[in-house]
Protein backbone atom coordinates (compact mmCIF):
# COMPACT_ATOMS: atom_id res chain seq x y z
CA UNK A 1 -30.02 24.19 -68.54
CA UNK A 2 -31.40 21.23 -70.27
CA UNK A 3 -30.94 17.40 -69.46
CA UNK A 4 -27.74 16.57 -71.39
CA UNK A 5 -25.75 19.51 -68.69
CA UNK A 6 -27.67 17.59 -66.00
CA UNK A 7 -26.24 14.47 -66.47
CA UNK A 8 -22.66 14.86 -65.98
CA UNK A 9 -22.92 16.39 -62.20
CA UNK A 10 -25.86 13.47 -61.30
CA UNK A 11 -23.55 10.97 -62.23
CA UNK A 12 -20.32 12.52 -60.45
CA UNK A 13 -22.29 12.77 -57.44
CA UNK A 14 -23.48 8.65 -57.77
CA UNK A 15 -19.59 8.44 -58.33
CA UNK A 16 -18.66 10.05 -54.90
CA UNK A 17 -21.27 7.76 -52.90
CA UNK A 18 -20.37 5.07 -54.35
CA UNK A 19 -16.30 5.52 -53.79
CA UNK A 20 -17.10 6.44 -50.83
CA UNK A 21 -18.87 3.59 -50.34
CA UNK A 22 -16.27 1.20 -51.68
CA UNK A 23 -13.59 2.25 -49.25
CA UNK A 24 -16.13 2.18 -46.78
CA UNK A 25 -16.65 -1.45 -46.74
CA UNK A 26 -12.86 -2.23 -47.73
CA UNK A 27 -11.63 0.02 -44.79
CA UNK A 28 -13.69 -2.58 -42.45
CA UNK A 29 -11.56 -5.46 -41.33
CA UNK A 30 -13.37 -9.41 -41.60
CA UNK A 31 -14.80 -10.39 -37.85
CA UNK A 32 -12.72 -12.52 -36.21
CA UNK A 33 -13.80 -16.32 -36.22
CA UNK A 34 -14.30 -17.59 -32.96
CA UNK A 35 -12.20 -20.10 -31.58
CA UNK A 36 -13.96 -23.31 -31.54
CA UNK A 37 -12.95 -26.71 -29.52
CA UNK A 38 -10.39 -26.30 -26.64
CA UNK A 39 -9.12 -22.85 -27.93
CA UNK A 40 -12.97 -21.23 -27.23
CA UNK A 41 -12.16 -22.96 -23.58
CA UNK A 42 -8.96 -21.25 -22.78
CA UNK A 43 -10.55 -18.28 -24.42
CA UNK A 44 -13.56 -18.00 -22.02
CA UNK A 45 -10.59 -19.30 -19.35
CA UNK A 46 -8.40 -16.09 -20.07
CA UNK A 47 -11.90 -13.95 -19.90
CA UNK A 48 -12.85 -15.29 -16.87
CA UNK A 49 -9.53 -14.33 -15.04
CA UNK A 50 -9.38 -11.35 -16.64
CA UNK A 51 -12.45 -10.17 -14.97
CA UNK A 52 -11.67 -11.80 -11.87
CA UNK A 53 -14.22 -14.09 -12.04
CA UNK A 54 -11.56 -16.77 -11.19
CA UNK A 55 -13.66 -20.12 -10.11
CA UNK A 56 -15.44 -19.77 -13.67
CA UNK A 57 -11.57 -19.93 -15.43
CA UNK A 58 -11.18 -23.15 -12.98
CA UNK A 59 -14.81 -24.59 -14.91
CA UNK A 60 -12.85 -23.59 -18.31
CA UNK A 61 -9.27 -24.92 -17.97
CA UNK A 62 -10.69 -28.30 -16.06
CA UNK A 63 -10.95 -30.70 -19.14
CA UNK A 64 -8.04 -28.60 -20.54
CA UNK A 65 -5.58 -29.62 -17.63
CA UNK A 66 -6.40 -33.41 -17.74
CA UNK A 67 -6.75 -33.99 -21.80
CA UNK A 68 -5.82 -37.23 -23.43
CA UNK A 69 -4.28 -36.56 -25.27
CA UNK A 70 -2.86 -33.25 -24.86
CA UNK A 71 -3.54 -30.45 -26.74
CA UNK A 72 -2.03 -27.01 -27.39
CA UNK A 73 -3.60 -25.57 -24.62
CA UNK A 74 -3.18 -28.34 -21.47
CA UNK A 75 -0.02 -27.56 -20.18
CA UNK A 76 -1.03 -24.05 -19.88
CA UNK A 77 -4.16 -24.62 -18.62
CA UNK A 78 -2.33 -26.13 -16.04
CA UNK A 79 0.06 -23.12 -15.40
CA UNK A 80 -2.68 -21.35 -14.68
CA UNK A 81 -4.73 -23.84 -12.70
CA UNK A 82 -1.71 -23.88 -10.36
CA UNK A 83 -1.16 -20.14 -10.34
CA UNK A 84 -4.90 -20.01 -9.47
CA UNK A 85 -5.30 -22.75 -6.79
CA UNK A 86 -2.28 -21.11 -5.11
CA UNK A 87 -3.90 -18.00 -4.73
CA UNK A 88 -7.33 -19.69 -3.24
CA UNK A 89 -5.08 -21.72 -0.95
CA UNK A 90 -2.97 -18.88 0.44
CA UNK A 91 -6.11 -16.14 0.25
CA UNK A 92 -8.39 -18.97 2.10
CA UNK A 93 -5.39 -19.20 4.71
CA UNK A 94 -5.25 -15.66 5.47
CA UNK A 95 -8.81 -15.69 6.10
CA UNK A 96 -8.77 -18.87 8.73
CA UNK A 97 -6.15 -17.47 10.15
CA UNK A 98 -7.87 -13.84 10.80
CA UNK A 99 -11.36 -15.36 12.31
CA UNK A 100 -9.48 -17.68 14.56
CA UNK A 101 -7.43 -14.60 15.83
CA UNK A 102 -10.43 -12.55 15.99
CA UNK A 103 -12.32 -15.67 17.75
CA UNK A 104 -10.16 -15.40 20.28
CA UNK A 105 -9.61 -12.03 21.05
CA UNK A 106 -13.28 -10.73 21.30
CA UNK A 107 -15.44 -10.62 23.95
CA UNK A 108 -18.88 -10.63 22.51
CA UNK A 109 -20.22 -14.65 22.40
CA UNK A 110 -22.17 -14.10 19.53
CA UNK A 111 -18.83 -12.80 17.29
CA UNK A 112 -16.92 -15.01 18.88
CA UNK A 113 -19.37 -17.47 17.15
CA UNK A 114 -19.91 -16.30 14.03
CA UNK A 115 -16.41 -16.12 13.16
CA UNK A 116 -15.91 -19.70 14.35
CA UNK A 117 -17.80 -20.69 11.43
CA UNK A 118 -16.48 -18.38 8.71
CA UNK A 119 -13.03 -19.63 9.81
CA UNK A 120 -14.64 -23.15 9.14
CA UNK A 121 -16.10 -21.94 5.86
CA UNK A 122 -13.06 -20.75 4.50
CA UNK A 123 -11.36 -24.21 6.28
CA UNK A 124 -13.08 -26.26 3.78
CA UNK A 125 -12.67 -23.77 0.68
CA UNK A 126 -8.62 -23.50 0.97
CA UNK A 127 -8.65 -27.68 1.77
CA UNK A 128 -10.09 -27.75 -1.88
CA UNK A 129 -7.56 -25.32 -3.45
CA UNK A 130 -5.38 -27.36 -1.33
CA UNK A 131 -6.19 -30.33 -3.05
CA UNK A 132 -6.72 -28.96 -6.21
CA UNK A 133 -3.58 -27.26 -6.87
CA UNK A 134 -1.90 -31.28 -5.50
CA UNK A 135 -3.82 -32.84 -8.84
CA UNK A 136 -2.48 -30.05 -10.80
CA UNK A 137 0.71 -30.49 -9.79
CA UNK A 138 0.66 -34.06 -10.54
CA UNK A 139 -0.46 -33.45 -14.05
CA UNK A 140 2.25 -30.70 -14.59
CA UNK A 141 5.18 -32.96 -13.54
CA UNK A 142 3.87 -36.53 -13.98
CA UNK A 143 6.83 -38.79 -14.05
CA UNK A 144 9.00 -35.84 -12.18
CA UNK A 145 9.38 -34.22 -15.62
CA UNK A 146 8.44 -30.20 -16.88
CA UNK A 147 8.69 -28.73 -19.95
CA UNK A 148 12.31 -26.26 -19.71
CA UNK A 149 10.08 -23.10 -20.55
CA UNK A 150 6.44 -23.13 -19.72
CA UNK A 151 3.44 -20.75 -21.08
CA UNK A 152 1.58 -18.55 -18.82
CA UNK A 153 -0.95 -17.10 -21.60
CA UNK A 154 -3.28 -14.76 -19.52
CA UNK A 155 -4.26 -11.27 -18.95
CA UNK A 156 -3.76 -9.15 -15.78
CA UNK A 157 -6.93 -9.04 -13.98
CA UNK A 158 -8.65 -6.10 -14.17
CA UNK A 159 -8.86 -5.02 -10.60
CA UNK A 160 -6.05 -4.94 -8.52
CA UNK A 161 -6.00 -6.56 -4.96
CA UNK A 162 -4.91 -4.45 -1.97
CA UNK A 163 -1.82 -4.96 -0.28
CA UNK A 164 -3.15 -5.40 3.13
CA UNK A 165 -6.99 -6.04 3.54
CA UNK A 166 -8.22 -3.37 6.21
CA UNK A 167 -10.79 -5.27 7.40
CA UNK A 168 -9.13 -8.59 8.14
CA UNK A 169 -6.42 -6.51 10.15
CA UNK A 170 -9.38 -5.15 12.41
CA UNK A 171 -11.18 -8.88 12.82
CA UNK A 172 -7.35 -9.90 13.80
CA UNK A 173 -7.92 -7.14 16.90
CA UNK A 174 -11.28 -8.67 17.16
CA UNK A 175 -13.02 -6.20 16.20
CA UNK A 176 -16.36 -7.21 14.49
CA UNK A 177 -17.30 -6.53 10.55
CA UNK A 178 -20.77 -6.71 8.96
CA UNK A 179 -21.64 -9.54 6.36
CA UNK A 180 -20.29 -7.39 3.43
CA UNK A 181 -17.38 -6.42 4.77
CA UNK A 182 -16.72 -10.33 5.14
CA UNK A 183 -18.12 -10.79 1.48
CA UNK A 184 -15.58 -7.99 0.55
CA UNK A 185 -12.74 -8.92 2.91
CA UNK A 186 -13.11 -12.06 0.69
CA UNK A 187 -12.66 -11.19 -2.62
CA UNK A 188 -10.24 -8.60 -1.78
CA UNK A 189 -7.79 -11.37 0.07
CA UNK A 190 -8.30 -13.17 -3.28
CA UNK A 191 -7.42 -10.71 -5.71
CA UNK A 192 -4.61 -9.94 -3.13
CA UNK A 193 -3.48 -13.35 -3.39
CA UNK A 194 -3.62 -13.50 -7.11
CA UNK A 195 -1.34 -9.94 -7.91
CA UNK A 196 0.74 -12.16 -5.46
CA UNK A 197 0.90 -15.27 -7.10
CA UNK A 198 1.44 -14.34 -10.45
CA UNK A 199 4.46 -12.08 -8.87
CA UNK A 200 5.88 -15.37 -7.87
CA UNK A 201 5.20 -16.53 -10.66
CA UNK A 202 7.47 -14.72 -12.92
CA UNK A 203 9.83 -14.16 -10.23
CA UNK A 204 8.96 -10.78 -9.57
CA UNK A 205 6.64 -8.32 -8.22
CA UNK A 206 3.10 -6.89 -9.18
CA UNK A 207 4.83 -4.97 -11.23
CA UNK A 208 7.08 -7.01 -13.60
CA UNK A 209 3.73 -8.99 -13.55
CA UNK A 210 1.57 -6.88 -15.08
CA UNK A 211 4.21 -6.18 -17.73
CA UNK A 212 4.99 -9.29 -18.38
CA UNK A 213 1.92 -10.05 -19.23
CA UNK A 214 1.01 -7.08 -21.24
CA UNK A 215 0.56 -9.13 -24.34
CA UNK A 216 -1.52 -11.52 -22.74
CA UNK A 217 1.44 -14.05 -22.41
CA UNK A 218 4.05 -14.07 -20.82
CA UNK A 219 7.38 -17.09 -21.26
CA UNK A 220 8.84 -18.52 -17.72
CA UNK A 221 12.04 -20.50 -16.78
CA UNK A 222 10.58 -23.96 -15.79
CA UNK A 223 12.38 -24.54 -13.38
CA UNK A 224 11.63 -21.39 -11.45
CA UNK A 225 8.31 -22.67 -11.82
CA UNK A 226 8.40 -25.71 -10.40
CA UNK A 227 10.20 -24.02 -7.35
CA UNK A 228 7.23 -22.08 -7.02
CA UNK A 229 4.68 -24.64 -7.16
CA UNK A 230 6.73 -26.89 -4.85
CA UNK A 231 6.88 -24.22 -2.09
CA UNK A 232 2.81 -23.42 -2.82
CA UNK A 233 2.54 -27.30 -2.23
CA UNK A 234 3.66 -26.93 1.21
CA UNK A 235 1.85 -24.18 2.20
CA UNK A 236 -1.30 -25.58 0.74
CA UNK A 237 -0.33 -29.15 2.90
CA UNK A 238 -0.64 -26.99 6.16
CA UNK A 239 -4.45 -26.78 5.66
CA UNK A 240 -3.81 -30.19 6.90
CA UNK A 241 -2.02 -30.08 10.36
CA UNK A 242 -2.84 -30.10 13.35
CA UNK A 243 -3.58 -26.34 13.66
CA UNK A 244 -6.24 -26.37 10.41
CA UNK A 245 -8.06 -29.43 10.04
CA UNK A 246 -5.71 -32.35 11.53
CA UNK A 247 -5.87 -34.46 7.88
CA UNK A 248 -2.65 -36.51 8.03
CA UNK A 249 -3.49 -38.25 4.82
CA UNK A 250 -4.17 -35.48 2.61
CA UNK A 251 -1.21 -33.61 4.15
CA UNK A 252 0.70 -37.05 3.40
CA UNK A 253 -0.75 -36.56 -0.07
CA UNK A 254 -0.48 -33.21 -0.84
CA UNK A 255 3.27 -33.47 0.61
CA UNK A 256 3.90 -36.23 -1.55
CA UNK A 257 3.37 -33.83 -4.96
CA UNK A 258 5.41 -31.80 -3.27
CA UNK A 259 8.49 -34.42 -3.64
CA UNK A 260 7.49 -34.76 -7.43
CA UNK A 261 8.34 -30.97 -7.78
CA UNK A 262 11.65 -32.32 -5.78
CA UNK A 263 12.30 -34.23 -8.29
CA UNK A 264 11.66 -32.46 -11.61
CA UNK A 265 13.48 -29.52 -10.63
CA UNK A 266 16.57 -32.57 -10.21
CA UNK A 267 16.18 -33.25 -13.49
CA UNK A 268 16.00 -30.01 -14.85
CA UNK A 269 19.24 -29.09 -12.64
CA UNK A 270 20.68 -32.37 -14.15
CA UNK A 271 20.86 -30.64 -17.38
CA UNK A 272 21.71 -27.52 -16.43
CA UNK A 273 23.50 -27.48 -13.32
CA UNK A 274 23.33 -23.71 -10.89
CA UNK A 275 24.30 -23.89 -7.18
CA UNK A 276 21.87 -21.24 -6.06
CA UNK A 277 18.56 -23.19 -7.17
CA UNK A 278 20.26 -26.09 -5.91
CA UNK A 279 20.23 -24.59 -2.62
CA UNK A 280 16.43 -24.01 -3.38
CA UNK A 281 15.67 -26.82 -4.42
CA UNK A 282 17.38 -28.64 -1.26
CA UNK A 283 15.41 -26.04 1.19
CA UNK A 284 12.30 -26.90 -0.18
CA UNK A 285 12.89 -30.78 0.11
CA UNK A 286 13.80 -29.81 3.54
CA UNK A 287 10.45 -27.65 4.10
CA UNK A 288 8.33 -31.04 3.12
CA UNK A 289 10.23 -32.83 5.71
CA UNK A 290 9.24 -30.29 8.30
CA UNK A 291 5.73 -29.93 7.75
CA UNK A 292 5.56 -33.85 7.35
CA UNK A 293 6.70 -34.06 11.01
CA UNK A 294 3.41 -31.88 12.06
CA UNK A 295 1.31 -34.97 10.93
């Protein structure tokens, strides 16, 4: 076969390679540009939240939540921080009460001393979270006002918490758990509290929260979330009552933010009356008054 007869086959082979290469290039979508500024911070916060790095999610949303003027991420950062701080309060309160009970029940002096130390450590963490929640509530409900609809933009955490923390049940009976179990109990307690907080934030259970956040974002009723925050503030205030840290000034400060939640809820109810929600607001107001009696 001469060269003239070989050329068509050679060019055919080259053409096939070129077409295949072109198809590969066209089939590859362009890389999504990395967000910058507030968008980047919020994306990092969402990534951390999904991975269970809740403290880091708070770090990334700190500046967003207090931004002035507000950005499109300010309010959603406040919503996310309210959920995280609420969970931290609940988790540390569970740990504080469990170790206090364990210290009372154990007959071993070493166990007693260690559980009292753990109680004090977690009390400090809980108090910090309580003040963080109060600050976030102040930002979100400033002037007794809140949006009718809020956005909870985050994916459900990759690791789901247990329904009960078995190690803490053992502690409450006066039993001993080793340091690695103490650490695991703290992680399990927080994961559990995050799941519960998400469920309450969407006015449902864990399954509803997981479904609502399947796309990475959900809309929540402003009045319902205000009631949620108000009730969480009551729990936060208890970290400063006589049973815990006995700090009247901080208890009053947190309760004052609870009253702001009541004002914000009342403001929304004026626009859209709802007898059942009205009862819930009045119940919240009564709980705040009762909490203040523990000063």
